[in-house]
Amino acid sequence: MTKSDLINTISESVDLSKKDIGNIIGECFKVITTTLSNGDKVQIVGFGTFEVRTRKERKGRNPSTGKEITIPKSTVPAFKAGRGLKDAVAKH
């Protein structure tokens, strides 16, 4: 499902324009992004938690040369599904 598909699906069940729905979804994504970039987490009960995780520095290999390289530590966004989402997916 794309963002456009999401907007179209929501517009079928609420009395708002597609433009307004698109703005709301965009703002939701912006709030989640800003919160994560500040190092905080976003928890939506029944759906899941968006959080920031730190990966340690580790050894790896360059696939083209086979030479061992050091992969620097990094900070990445992560999502952990909540019970409601897990249960809904498990039914299918």
Protein backbone atom coordinates (compact mmCIF):
# COMPACT_ATOMS: atom_id res chain seq x y z
CA MET A 1 0.00 0.00 0.00
CA THR A 2 1.35 3.41 -0.94
CA LYS A 3 0.67 6.74 0.73
CA SER A 4 -1.88 7.50 -2.03
CA ASP A 5 -3.63 4.18 -1.40
CA LEU A 6 -3.75 4.99 2.31
CA ILE A 7 -5.26 8.41 1.60
CA ASN A 8 -7.87 6.90 -0.74
CA THR A 9 -8.82 4.20 1.77
CA ILE A 10 -9.24 6.69 4.60
CA SER A 11 -11.23 9.09 2.41
CA GLU A 12 -13.84 6.37 1.87
CA SER A 13 -14.64 6.21 5.59
CA VAL A 14 -14.31 9.83 6.79
CA ASP A 15 -15.82 13.08 5.61
CA LEU A 16 -12.61 14.92 4.74
CA SER A 17 -11.01 15.84 1.46
CA LYS A 18 -8.11 13.78 0.15
CA LYS A 19 -5.94 16.88 0.43
CA ASP A 20 -6.79 17.27 4.14
CA ILE A 21 -6.16 13.58 4.79
CA GLY A 22 -2.81 13.82 2.98
CA ASN A 23 -1.85 16.81 5.15
CA ILE A 24 -2.80 14.95 8.34
CA ILE A 25 -0.80 11.86 7.34
CA GLY A 26 2.16 14.05 6.37
CA GLU A 27 2.05 15.80 9.74
CA CYS A 28 1.88 12.44 11.56
CA PHE A 29 5.01 11.27 9.73
CA LYS A 30 6.72 14.58 10.47
CA VAL A 31 5.95 14.32 14.20
CA ILE A 32 7.25 10.73 14.33
CA THR A 33 10.41 11.71 12.43
CA THR A 34 11.08 14.74 14.64
CA THR A 35 10.47 12.78 17.83
CA LEU A 36 12.85 10.00 16.75
CA SER A 37 15.52 12.47 15.65
CA ASN A 38 15.38 13.93 19.17
CA GLY A 39 16.12 10.46 20.55
CA ASP A 40 12.64 9.86 21.96
CA LYS A 41 10.21 7.08 21.11
CA VAL A 42 6.62 7.15 19.81
CA GLN A 43 4.27 4.59 21.31
CA ILE A 44 0.85 3.97 19.78
CA VAL A 45 -1.01 1.57 22.06
CA GLY A 46 -2.35 -1.45 20.18
CA PHE A 47 -0.25 -0.66 17.10
CA GLY A 48 3.40 -0.45 18.06
CA THR A 49 6.41 1.58 19.08
CA PHE A 50 8.81 3.56 16.92
CA GLU A 51 12.20 3.98 18.58
CA VAL A 52 15.85 4.72 17.91
CA ARG A 53 18.43 1.95 18.28
CA THR A 54 22.20 2.18 18.23
CA ARG A 55 24.21 -0.42 16.35
CA LYS A 56 27.68 -1.14 17.69
CA GLU A 57 30.79 -0.85 15.57
CA ARG A 58 31.47 -4.21 13.95
CA LYS A 59 33.67 -6.01 11.46
CA GLY A 60 32.44 -6.77 7.98
CA ARG A 61 33.75 -7.69 4.56
CA ASN A 62 33.80 -5.71 1.34
CA PRO A 63 31.82 -8.01 -0.98
CA SER A 64 33.81 -7.09 -4.09
CA THR A 65 37.31 -7.44 -2.64
CA GLY A 66 36.76 -9.70 0.36
CA LYS A 67 38.85 -7.31 2.46
CA GLU A 68 37.82 -6.96 6.11
CA ILE A 69 36.45 -3.52 6.99
CA THR A 70 35.18 -1.81 10.11
CA ILE A 71 31.53 -0.78 9.94
CA PRO A 72 31.10 2.28 12.17
CA LYS A 73 28.43 2.47 14.87
CA SER A 74 25.16 3.96 13.69
CA THR A 75 21.80 5.11 14.94
CA VAL A 76 18.79 3.65 13.13
CA PRO A 77 15.00 3.89 13.43
CA ALA A 78 13.20 0.73 14.53
CA PHE A 79 9.60 -0.42 14.89
CA LYS A 80 8.28 -2.97 17.36
CA ALA A 81 4.76 -4.20 16.64
CA GLY A 82 2.21 -4.02 19.45
CA ARG A 83 -0.06 -6.83 20.57
CA GLY A 84 -3.07 -5.59 18.57
CA LEU A 85 -1.09 -5.48 15.33
CA LYS A 86 0.51 -8.88 15.97
CA ASP A 87 -2.88 -10.45 16.69
CA ALA A 88 -4.47 -8.92 13.57
CA VAL A 89 -1.66 -10.16 11.33
CA ALA A 90 -1.67 -13.63 12.92
CA LYS A 91 -5.33 -14.12 11.94
CA HIS A 92 -4.42 -14.07 8.25
